[in-house]
Structures are given as C-alpha cells and as structure tokens.
All heavy atoms as atom14 arrays in JSON, in Angstrom:
{
  "sequence": "VIAQEIQKVAPELITETDNHLGVAYGNITGYLIEAIKDLKQEVEE",
  "atom14_mask": [
    [1, 1, 1, 1, 1, 1, 1, 0, 0, 0, 0, 0, 0, 0],
    [1, 1, 1, 1, 1, 1, 1, 1, 0, 0, 0, 0, 0, 0],
    [1, 1, 1, 1, 1, 0, 0, 0, 0, 0, 0, 0, 0, 0],
    [1, 1, 1, 1, 1, 1, 1, 1, 1, 0, 0, 0, 0, 0],
    [1, 1, 1, 1, 1, 1, 1, 1, 1, 0, 0, 0, 0, 0],
    [1, 1, 1, 1, 1, 1, 1, 1, 0, 0, 0, 0, 0, 0],
    [1, 1, 1, 1, 1, 1, 1, 1, 1, 0, 0, 0, 0, 0],
    [1, 1, 1, 1, 1, 1, 1, 1, 1, 0, 0, 0, 0, 0],
    [1, 1, 1, 1, 1, 1, 1, 0, 0, 0, 0, 0, 0, 0],
    [1, 1, 1, 1, 1, 0, 0, 0, 0, 0, 0, 0, 0, 0],
    [1, 1, 1, 1, 1, 1, 1, 0, 0, 0, 0, 0, 0, 0],
    [1, 1, 1, 1, 1, 1, 1, 1, 1, 0, 0, 0, 0, 0],
    [1, 1, 1, 1, 1, 1, 1, 1, 0, 0, 0, 0, 0, 0],
    [1, 1, 1, 1, 1, 1, 1, 1, 0, 0, 0, 0, 0, 0],
    [1, 1, 1, 1, 1, 1, 1, 0, 0, 0, 0, 0, 0, 0],
    [1, 1, 1, 1, 1, 1, 1, 1, 1, 0, 0, 0, 0, 0],
    [1, 1, 1, 1, 1, 1, 1, 0, 0, 0, 0, 0, 0, 0],
    [1, 1, 1, 1, 1, 1, 1, 1, 0, 0, 0, 0, 0, 0],
    [1, 1, 1, 1, 1, 1, 1, 1, 0, 0, 0, 0, 0, 0],
    [1, 1, 1, 1, 1, 1, 1, 1, 1, 1, 0, 0, 0, 0],
    [1, 1, 1, 1, 1, 1, 1, 1, 0, 0, 0, 0, 0, 0],
    [1, 1, 1, 1, 0, 0, 0, 0, 0, 0, 0, 0, 0, 0],
    [1, 1, 1, 1, 1, 1, 1, 0, 0, 0, 0, 0, 0, 0],
    [1, 1, 1, 1, 1, 0, 0, 0, 0, 0, 0, 0, 0, 0],
    [1, 1, 1, 1, 1, 1, 1, 1, 1, 1, 1, 1, 0, 0],
    [1, 1, 1, 1, 0, 0, 0, 0, 0, 0, 0, 0, 0, 0],
    [1, 1, 1, 1, 1, 1, 1, 1, 0, 0, 0, 0, 0, 0],
    [1, 1, 1, 1, 1, 1, 1, 1, 0, 0, 0, 0, 0, 0],
    [1, 1, 1, 1, 1, 1, 1, 0, 0, 0, 0, 0, 0, 0],
    [1, 1, 1, 1, 0, 0, 0, 0, 0, 0, 0, 0, 0, 0],
    [1, 1, 1, 1, 1, 1, 1, 1, 1, 1, 1, 1, 0, 0],
    [1, 1, 1, 1, 1, 1, 1, 1, 0, 0, 0, 0, 0, 0],
    [1, 1, 1, 1, 1, 1, 1, 1, 0, 0, 0, 0, 0, 0],
    [1, 1, 1, 1, 1, 1, 1, 1, 1, 0, 0, 0, 0, 0],
    [1, 1, 1, 1, 1, 0, 0, 0, 0, 0, 0, 0, 0, 0],
    [1, 1, 1, 1, 1, 1, 1, 1, 0, 0, 0, 0, 0, 0],
    [1, 1, 1, 1, 1, 1, 1, 1, 1, 0, 0, 0, 0, 0],
    [1, 1, 1, 1, 1, 1, 1, 1, 0, 0, 0, 0, 0, 0],
    [1, 1, 1, 1, 1, 1, 1, 1, 0, 0, 0, 0, 0, 0],
    [1, 1, 1, 1, 1, 1, 1, 1, 1, 0, 0, 0, 0, 0],
    [1, 1, 1, 1, 1, 1, 1, 1, 1, 0, 0, 0, 0, 0],
    [1, 1, 1, 1, 1, 1, 1, 1, 1, 0, 0, 0, 0, 0],
    [1, 1, 1, 1, 1, 1, 1, 0, 0, 0, 0, 0, 0, 0],
    [1, 1, 1, 1, 1, 1, 1, 1, 1, 0, 0, 0, 0, 0],
    [1, 1, 1, 1, 1, 1, 1, 1, 1, 0, 0, 0, 0, 0]
  ],
  "atom14_positions": [
    [[130.24, 74.35, 70.56], [131.6, 74.07, 70.09], [131.65, 74.39, 68.6], [130.64, 74.62, 67.96], [132.0, 72.6, 70.34], [132.04, 72.29, 71.84], [131.06, 71.64, 69.63], [0.0, 0.0, 0.0], [0.0, 0.0, 0.0], [0.0, 0.0, 0.0], [0.0, 0.0, 0.0], [0.0, 0.0, 0.0], [0.0, 0.0, 0.0], [0.0, 0.0, 0.0]],
    [[132.87, 74.37, 68.04], [133.08, 74.54, 66.62], [133.35, 73.17, 66.03], [134.3, 72.48, 66.45], [134.26, 75.49, 66.33], [134.05, 76.86, 67.02], [134.51, 75.63, 64.84], [132.86, 77.64, 66.51], [0.0, 0.0, 0.0], [0.0, 0.0, 0.0], [0.0, 0.0, 0.0], [0.0, 0.0, 0.0], [0.0, 0.0, 0.0], [0.0, 0.0, 0.0]],
    [[132.54, 72.75, 65.07], [132.64, 71.39, 64.53], [134.02, 71.08, 63.98], [134.56, 69.99, 64.2], [131.58, 71.19, 63.44], [0.0, 0.0, 0.0], [0.0, 0.0, 0.0], [0.0, 0.0, 0.0], [0.0, 0.0, 0.0], [0.0, 0.0, 0.0], [0.0, 0.0, 0.0], [0.0, 0.0, 0.0], [0.0, 0.0, 0.0], [0.0, 0.0, 0.0]],
    [[134.64, 72.02, 63.28], [135.97, 71.77, 62.71], [137.0, 71.51, 63.8], [137.93, 70.72, 63.61], [136.42, 72.95, 61.83], [135.68, 73.03, 60.5], [134.33, 73.73, 60.58], [133.78, 73.97, 61.66], [133.76, 74.05, 59.42], [0.0, 0.0, 0.0], [0.0, 0.0, 0.0], [0.0, 0.0, 0.0], [0.0, 0.0, 0.0], [0.0, 0.0, 0.0]],
    [[136.86, 72.16, 64.95], [137.79, 71.93, 66.07], [137.55, 70.55, 66.68], [138.5, 69.83, 66.98], [137.63, 73.02, 67.13], [138.07, 74.39, 66.64], [137.83, 75.49, 67.66], [137.41, 75.21, 68.81], [138.06, 76.67, 67.31], [0.0, 0.0, 0.0], [0.0, 0.0, 0.0], [0.0, 0.0, 0.0], [0.0, 0.0, 0.0], [0.0, 0.0, 0.0]],
    [[136.3, 70.2, 66.88], [135.96, 68.89, 67.45], [136.39, 67.78, 66.5], [136.85, 66.72, 66.94], [134.45, 68.8, 67.76], [134.06, 69.81, 68.84], [134.05, 67.38, 68.17], [134.71, 69.59, 70.19], [0.0, 0.0, 0.0], [0.0, 0.0, 0.0], [0.0, 0.0, 0.0], [0.0, 0.0, 0.0], [0.0, 0.0, 0.0], [0.0, 0.0, 0.0]],
    [[136.28, 68.01, 65.21], [136.65, 67.0, 64.21], [138.11, 66.57, 64.36], [138.45, 65.42, 64.15], [136.4, 67.58, 62.81], [136.5, 66.57, 61.7], [136.04, 67.15, 60.38], [136.27, 68.33, 60.1], [135.38, 66.35, 59.58], [0.0, 0.0, 0.0], [0.0, 0.0, 0.0], [0.0, 0.0, 0.0], [0.0, 0.0, 0.0], [0.0, 0.0, 0.0]],
    [[138.97, 67.49, 64.78], [140.4, 67.18, 64.97], [140.62, 66.3, 66.2], [141.56, 65.53, 66.25], [141.2, 68.47, 65.12], [141.24, 69.31, 63.87], [141.93, 70.63, 64.12], [141.82, 71.54, 62.91], [142.32, 72.89, 63.18], [0.0, 0.0, 0.0], [0.0, 0.0, 0.0], [0.0, 0.0, 0.0], [0.0, 0.0, 0.0], [0.0, 0.0, 0.0]],
    [[139.74, 66.42, 67.19], [139.89, 65.73, 68.47], [139.1, 64.43, 68.51], [139.6, 63.4, 68.96], [139.42, 66.65, 69.63], [139.54, 65.95, 70.97], [140.19, 67.95, 69.63], [0.0, 0.0, 0.0], [0.0, 0.0, 0.0], [0.0, 0.0, 0.0], [0.0, 0.0, 0.0], [0.0, 0.0, 0.0], [0.0, 0.0, 0.0], [0.0, 0.0, 0.0]],
    [[137.86, 64.47, 68.04], [136.96, 63.33, 68.11], [136.1, 63.3, 66.84], [134.92, 63.68, 66.86], [136.08, 63.42, 69.36], [0.0, 0.0, 0.0], [0.0, 0.0, 0.0], [0.0, 0.0, 0.0], [0.0, 0.0, 0.0], [0.0, 0.0, 0.0], [0.0, 0.0, 0.0], [0.0, 0.0, 0.0], [0.0, 0.0, 0.0], [0.0, 0.0, 0.0]],
    [[136.67, 62.86, 65.72], [135.96, 62.92, 64.44], [134.65, 62.13, 64.4], [133.77, 62.44, 63.6], [136.97, 62.37, 63.44], [138.0, 61.67, 64.24], [138.0, 62.29, 65.6], [0.0, 0.0, 0.0], [0.0, 0.0, 0.0], [0.0, 0.0, 0.0], [0.0, 0.0, 0.0], [0.0, 0.0, 0.0], [0.0, 0.0, 0.0], [0.0, 0.0, 0.0]],
    [[134.5, 61.14, 65.29], [133.27, 60.35, 65.3], [132.06, 61.16, 65.75], [130.92, 60.73, 65.59], [133.43, 59.1, 66.17], [133.4, 59.34, 67.66], [134.71, 59.84, 68.28], [135.66, 60.14, 67.54], [134.76, 59.94, 69.52], [0.0, 0.0, 0.0], [0.0, 0.0, 0.0], [0.0, 0.0, 0.0], [0.0, 0.0, 0.0], [0.0, 0.0, 0.0]],
    [[132.29, 62.35, 66.3], [131.19, 63.21, 66.76], [130.64, 64.1, 65.65], [129.68, 64.83, 65.86], [131.66, 64.1, 67.92], [132.12, 63.39, 69.2], [132.65, 64.39, 70.2], [131.01, 62.56, 69.78], [0.0, 0.0, 0.0], [0.0, 0.0, 0.0], [0.0, 0.0, 0.0], [0.0, 0.0, 0.0], [0.0, 0.0, 0.0], [0.0, 0.0, 0.0]],
    [[131.26, 64.04, 64.47], [130.93, 64.97, 63.39], [130.19, 64.28, 62.26], [130.54, 63.17, 61.86], [132.22, 65.61, 62.83], [133.01, 66.32, 63.94], [131.91, 66.57, 61.68], [132.26, 67.42, 64.66], [0.0, 0.0, 0.0], [0.0, 0.0, 0.0], [0.0, 0.0, 0.0], [0.0, 0.0, 0.0], [0.0, 0.0, 0.0], [0.0, 0.0, 0.0]],
    [[129.16, 64.96, 61.75], [128.48, 64.52, 60.53], [128.39, 65.72, 59.59], [128.41, 66.87, 60.02], [127.05, 64.01, 60.8], [126.3, 65.04, 61.44], [127.05, 62.78, 61.68], [0.0, 0.0, 0.0], [0.0, 0.0, 0.0], [0.0, 0.0, 0.0], [0.0, 0.0, 0.0], [0.0, 0.0, 0.0], [0.0, 0.0, 0.0], [0.0, 0.0, 0.0]],
    [[128.32, 65.42, 58.3], [128.2, 66.48, 57.31], [126.86, 66.35, 56.59], [126.5, 65.27, 56.13], [129.35, 66.42, 56.3], [129.34, 67.58, 55.33], [130.58, 67.66, 54.46], [131.56, 66.94, 54.71], [130.56, 68.48, 53.52], [0.0, 0.0, 0.0], [0.0, 0.0, 0.0], [0.0, 0.0, 0.0], [0.0, 0.0, 0.0], [0.0, 0.0, 0.0]],
    [[126.14, 67.45, 56.52], [124.86, 67.5, 55.82], [124.82, 68.8, 55.01], [125.09, 69.87, 55.56], [123.68, 67.49, 56.82], [123.81, 66.36, 57.67], [122.35, 67.43, 56.1], [0.0, 0.0, 0.0], [0.0, 0.0, 0.0], [0.0, 0.0, 0.0], [0.0, 0.0, 0.0], [0.0, 0.0, 0.0], [0.0, 0.0, 0.0], [0.0, 0.0, 0.0]],
    [[124.51, 68.7, 53.75], [124.41, 69.88, 52.89], [125.65, 70.76, 52.98], [125.55, 71.99, 53.09], [123.15, 70.69, 53.22], [121.87, 69.92, 52.97], [121.88, 69.07, 52.08], [120.88, 70.18, 53.69], [0.0, 0.0, 0.0], [0.0, 0.0, 0.0], [0.0, 0.0, 0.0], [0.0, 0.0, 0.0], [0.0, 0.0, 0.0], [0.0, 0.0, 0.0]],
    [[126.82, 70.14, 52.99], [128.11, 70.83, 53.01], [128.38, 71.61, 54.3], [129.2, 72.52, 54.32], [128.23, 71.76, 51.79], [129.68, 72.05, 51.44], [130.56, 71.21, 51.66], [129.93, 73.22, 50.88], [0.0, 0.0, 0.0], [0.0, 0.0, 0.0], [0.0, 0.0, 0.0], [0.0, 0.0, 0.0], [0.0, 0.0, 0.0], [0.0, 0.0, 0.0]],
    [[127.63, 71.31, 55.37], [127.88, 71.92, 56.68], [128.12, 70.81, 57.7], [127.5, 69.75, 57.64], [126.7, 72.79, 57.13], [126.58, 74.05, 56.35], [125.78, 74.15, 55.23], [127.16, 75.26, 56.51], [125.88, 75.38, 54.74], [126.72, 76.07, 55.5], [0.0, 0.0, 0.0], [0.0, 0.0, 0.0], [0.0, 0.0, 0.0], [0.0, 0.0, 0.0]],
    [[129.02, 71.07, 58.64], [129.34, 70.09, 59.67], [128.41, 70.25, 60.86], [128.07, 71.37, 61.26], [130.79, 70.24, 60.12], [131.85, 70.03, 59.05], [133.25, 70.19, 59.65], [131.7, 68.68, 58.37], [0.0, 0.0, 0.0], [0.0, 0.0, 0.0], [0.0, 0.0, 0.0], [0.0, 0.0, 0.0], [0.0, 0.0, 0.0], [0.0, 0.0, 0.0]],
    [[128.03, 69.13, 61.47], [127.22, 69.11, 62.67], [127.9, 68.28, 63.74], [128.75, 67.44, 63.45], [0.0, 0.0, 0.0], [0.0, 0.0, 0.0], [0.0, 0.0, 0.0], [0.0, 0.0, 0.0], [0.0, 0.0, 0.0], [0.0, 0.0, 0.0], [0.0, 0.0, 0.0], [0.0, 0.0, 0.0], [0.0, 0.0, 0.0], [0.0, 0.0, 0.0]],
    [[127.54, 68.53, 64.98], [128.14, 67.85, 66.13], [127.07, 67.04, 66.86], [125.99, 67.55, 67.14], [128.76, 68.87, 67.12], [129.34, 68.18, 68.33], [129.81, 69.72, 66.43], [0.0, 0.0, 0.0], [0.0, 0.0, 0.0], [0.0, 0.0, 0.0], [0.0, 0.0, 0.0], [0.0, 0.0, 0.0], [0.0, 0.0, 0.0], [0.0, 0.0, 0.0]],
    [[127.39, 65.79, 67.17], [126.51, 64.96, 67.99], [126.77, 65.35, 69.45], [127.55, 64.71, 70.16], [126.79, 63.48, 67.75], [0.0, 0.0, 0.0], [0.0, 0.0, 0.0], [0.0, 0.0, 0.0], [0.0, 0.0, 0.0], [0.0, 0.0, 0.0], [0.0, 0.0, 0.0], [0.0, 0.0, 0.0], [0.0, 0.0, 0.0], [0.0, 0.0, 0.0]],
    [[126.13, 66.42, 69.87], [126.4, 66.98, 71.2], [126.19, 65.97, 72.32], [126.97, 65.93, 73.28], [125.53, 68.22, 71.45], [126.13, 69.48, 70.88], [125.73, 69.96, 69.64], [127.08, 70.19, 71.59], [126.28, 71.12, 69.12], [127.64, 71.35, 71.07], [127.23, 71.81, 69.84], [127.78, 72.95, 69.33], [0.0, 0.0, 0.0], [0.0, 0.0, 0.0]],
    [[125.17, 65.16, 72.23], [124.9, 64.18, 73.29], [126.06, 63.21, 73.47], [126.3, 62.73, 74.58], [0.0, 0.0, 0.0], [0.0, 0.0, 0.0], [0.0, 0.0, 0.0], [0.0, 0.0, 0.0], [0.0, 0.0, 0.0], [0.0, 0.0, 0.0], [0.0, 0.0, 0.0], [0.0, 0.0, 0.0], [0.0, 0.0, 0.0], [0.0, 0.0, 0.0]],
    [[126.78, 62.92, 72.4], [127.86, 61.95, 72.48], [129.12, 62.52, 73.11], [130.04, 61.77, 73.45], [128.16, 61.4, 71.08], [126.98, 60.63, 70.53], [125.99, 60.41, 71.21], [127.07, 60.23, 69.29], [0.0, 0.0, 0.0], [0.0, 0.0, 0.0], [0.0, 0.0, 0.0], [0.0, 0.0, 0.0], [0.0, 0.0, 0.0], [0.0, 0.0, 0.0]],
    [[129.19, 63.83, 73.3], [130.31, 64.43, 74.02], [130.27, 63.99, 75.49], [131.29, 63.95, 76.17], [130.29, 65.97, 73.91], [130.58, 66.39, 72.46], [131.29, 66.62, 74.85], [130.47, 67.88, 72.2], [0.0, 0.0, 0.0], [0.0, 0.0, 0.0], [0.0, 0.0, 0.0], [0.0, 0.0, 0.0], [0.0, 0.0, 0.0], [0.0, 0.0, 0.0]],
    [[129.1, 63.62, 75.96], [128.91, 63.23, 77.36], [129.88, 62.13, 77.79], [130.41, 62.17, 78.9], [127.46, 62.76, 77.59], [126.58, 63.8, 77.19], [127.21, 62.4, 79.04], [0.0, 0.0, 0.0], [0.0, 0.0, 0.0], [0.0, 0.0, 0.0], [0.0, 0.0, 0.0], [0.0, 0.0, 0.0], [0.0, 0.0, 0.0], [0.0, 0.0, 0.0]],
    [[130.13, 61.15, 76.95], [131.06, 60.07, 77.29], [132.44, 60.61, 77.63], [133.09, 60.16, 78.58], [0.0, 0.0, 0.0], [0.0, 0.0, 0.0], [0.0, 0.0, 0.0], [0.0, 0.0, 0.0], [0.0, 0.0, 0.0], [0.0, 0.0, 0.0], [0.0, 0.0, 0.0], [0.0, 0.0, 0.0], [0.0, 0.0, 0.0], [0.0, 0.0, 0.0]],
    [[132.91, 61.57, 76.84], [134.21, 62.19, 77.11], [134.19, 62.95, 78.43], [135.14, 62.9, 79.22], [134.61, 63.13, 75.97], [135.08, 62.4, 74.74], [134.26, 62.24, 73.64], [136.36, 61.85, 74.69], [134.69, 61.56, 72.51], [136.81, 61.17, 73.57], [135.96, 61.03, 72.48], [136.39, 60.35, 71.37], [0.0, 0.0, 0.0], [0.0, 0.0, 0.0]],
    [[133.09, 63.66, 78.68], [132.98, 64.43, 79.93], [132.98, 63.52, 81.15], [133.62, 63.83, 82.16], [131.72, 65.3, 79.9], [131.66, 66.35, 78.8], [130.31, 67.05, 78.8], [132.79, 67.34, 78.93], [0.0, 0.0, 0.0], [0.0, 0.0, 0.0], [0.0, 0.0, 0.0], [0.0, 0.0, 0.0], [0.0, 0.0, 0.0], [0.0, 0.0, 0.0]],
    [[132.29, 62.39, 81.06], [132.26, 61.44, 82.17], [133.67, 60.97, 82.51], [134.08, 60.96, 83.67], [131.34, 60.24, 81.84], [129.88, 60.67, 81.85], [131.58, 59.06, 82.79], [128.92, 59.64, 81.27], [0.0, 0.0, 0.0], [0.0, 0.0, 0.0], [0.0, 0.0, 0.0], [0.0, 0.0, 0.0], [0.0, 0.0, 0.0], [0.0, 0.0, 0.0]],
    [[134.42, 60.58, 81.48], [135.78, 60.08, 81.72], [136.7, 61.18, 82.22], [137.56, 60.94, 83.08], [136.34, 59.41, 80.46], [135.62, 58.13, 80.1], [135.57, 57.12, 81.25], [136.62, 56.88, 81.89], [134.49, 56.58, 81.51], [0.0, 0.0, 0.0], [0.0, 0.0, 0.0], [0.0, 0.0, 0.0], [0.0, 0.0, 0.0], [0.0, 0.0, 0.0]],
    [[136.54, 62.41, 81.74], [137.36, 63.53, 82.22], [137.09, 63.8, 83.7], [138.02, 64.05, 84.48], [137.1, 64.78, 81.38], [0.0, 0.0, 0.0], [0.0, 0.0, 0.0], [0.0, 0.0, 0.0], [0.0, 0.0, 0.0], [0.0, 0.0, 0.0], [0.0, 0.0, 0.0], [0.0, 0.0, 0.0], [0.0, 0.0, 0.0], [0.0, 0.0, 0.0]],
    [[135.83, 63.75, 84.1], [135.48, 63.97, 85.5], [136.08, 62.88, 86.37], [136.61, 63.15, 87.46], [133.95, 64.06, 85.68], [133.43, 65.37, 85.07], [133.55, 63.97, 87.16], [131.93, 65.44, 84.93], [0.0, 0.0, 0.0], [0.0, 0.0, 0.0], [0.0, 0.0, 0.0], [0.0, 0.0, 0.0], [0.0, 0.0, 0.0], [0.0, 0.0, 0.0]],
    [[136.03, 61.64, 85.91], [136.61, 60.54, 86.68], [138.12, 60.72, 86.82], [138.68, 60.48, 87.9], [136.28, 59.2, 86.01], [134.81, 58.81, 86.18], [134.33, 57.7, 85.3], [135.15, 56.47, 85.18], [134.58, 55.44, 84.3], [0.0, 0.0, 0.0], [0.0, 0.0, 0.0], [0.0, 0.0, 0.0], [0.0, 0.0, 0.0], [0.0, 0.0, 0.0]],
    [[138.78, 61.17, 85.75], [140.23, 61.43, 85.81], [140.53, 62.53, 86.83], [141.47, 62.43, 87.62], [140.77, 61.85, 84.44], [140.79, 60.72, 83.43], [140.66, 59.54, 83.83], [140.95, 61.02, 82.22], [0.0, 0.0, 0.0], [0.0, 0.0, 0.0], [0.0, 0.0, 0.0], [0.0, 0.0, 0.0], [0.0, 0.0, 0.0], [0.0, 0.0, 0.0]],
    [[139.74, 63.6, 86.81], [139.95, 64.7, 87.76], [139.71, 64.25, 89.19], [140.44, 64.64, 90.1], [139.03, 65.87, 87.41], [139.4, 66.66, 86.17], [138.31, 67.68, 85.84], [140.74, 67.34, 86.34], [0.0, 0.0, 0.0], [0.0, 0.0, 0.0], [0.0, 0.0, 0.0], [0.0, 0.0, 0.0], [0.0, 0.0, 0.0], [0.0, 0.0, 0.0]],
    [[138.67, 63.43, 89.41], [138.4, 62.92, 90.76], [139.58, 62.11, 91.26], [140.0, 62.26, 92.42], [137.13, 62.07, 90.77], [136.78, 61.58, 92.17], [135.5, 60.76, 92.15], [135.01, 60.38, 93.52], [135.95, 59.68, 94.37], [0.0, 0.0, 0.0], [0.0, 0.0, 0.0], [0.0, 0.0, 0.0], [0.0, 0.0, 0.0], [0.0, 0.0, 0.0]],
    [[140.14, 61.27, 90.41], [141.3, 60.47, 90.81], [142.48, 61.36, 91.17], [143.17, 61.15, 92.16], [141.69, 59.51, 89.69], [142.87, 58.62, 90.04], [143.25, 57.67, 88.91], [142.59, 57.61, 87.88], [144.32, 56.95, 89.11], [0.0, 0.0, 0.0], [0.0, 0.0, 0.0], [0.0, 0.0, 0.0], [0.0, 0.0, 0.0], [0.0, 0.0, 0.0]],
    [[142.7, 62.4, 90.37], [143.79, 63.33, 90.64], [143.58, 64.05, 91.97], [144.51, 64.21, 92.77], [143.91, 64.34, 89.5], [145.11, 65.24, 89.61], [145.26, 66.15, 88.4], [144.78, 65.8, 87.3], [145.83, 67.23, 88.58], [0.0, 0.0, 0.0], [0.0, 0.0, 0.0], [0.0, 0.0, 0.0], [0.0, 0.0, 0.0], [0.0, 0.0, 0.0]],
    [[142.34, 64.49, 92.25], [142.02, 65.15, 93.51], [142.28, 64.21, 94.68], [142.85, 64.61, 95.7], [140.56, 65.67, 93.51], [140.12, 66.06, 94.91], [140.41, 66.83, 92.55], [0.0, 0.0, 0.0], [0.0, 0.0, 0.0], [0.0, 0.0, 0.0], [0.0, 0.0, 0.0], [0.0, 0.0, 0.0], [0.0, 0.0, 0.0], [0.0, 0.0, 0.0]],
    [[141.85, 62.96, 94.55], [142.07, 61.98, 95.62], [143.56, 61.77, 95.89], [143.98, 61.68, 97.04], [141.38, 60.65, 95.29], [139.86, 60.73, 95.25], [139.23, 61.21, 96.55], [139.72, 60.84, 97.64], [138.25, 61.97, 96.49], [0.0, 0.0, 0.0], [0.0, 0.0, 0.0], [0.0, 0.0, 0.0], [0.0, 0.0, 0.0], [0.0, 0.0, 0.0]],
    [[144.37, 61.7, 94.83], [145.81, 61.55, 94.99], [146.43, 62.76, 95.67], [147.3, 62.63, 96.53], [146.47, 61.3, 93.63], [146.16, 59.92, 93.06], [146.64, 59.74, 91.62], [147.36, 60.62, 91.11], [146.26, 58.72, 91.02], [0.0, 0.0, 0.0], [0.0, 0.0, 0.0], [0.0, 0.0, 0.0], [0.0, 0.0, 0.0], [0.0, 0.0, 0.0]]
  ]
}
C-alpha cells in the first residue's frame, strides 16, 4: 500500500521514521476481518 493513502483512512497504522512513513501491515488484518464479515452478511442476505 501507499502510506500517505492509508494515513487518510486509518492514521493509526502509520508511523514516521527518518522523515519517511511506514505502515503497520499486520494491523491491517483487523480491518480485513471486519470487511470479510460484512461481505459474508451481505451474501447471506
């Protein structure tokens, strides 16, 4: 992903080190879990 784009959506996933942005990739998993659950509910409906 692009850190600046993720920062707009989920700023808690971003850290800055030496003037460069980094992404806590493992923490994106929580969002993916909830998105999958939302999609499953929509499919069931």
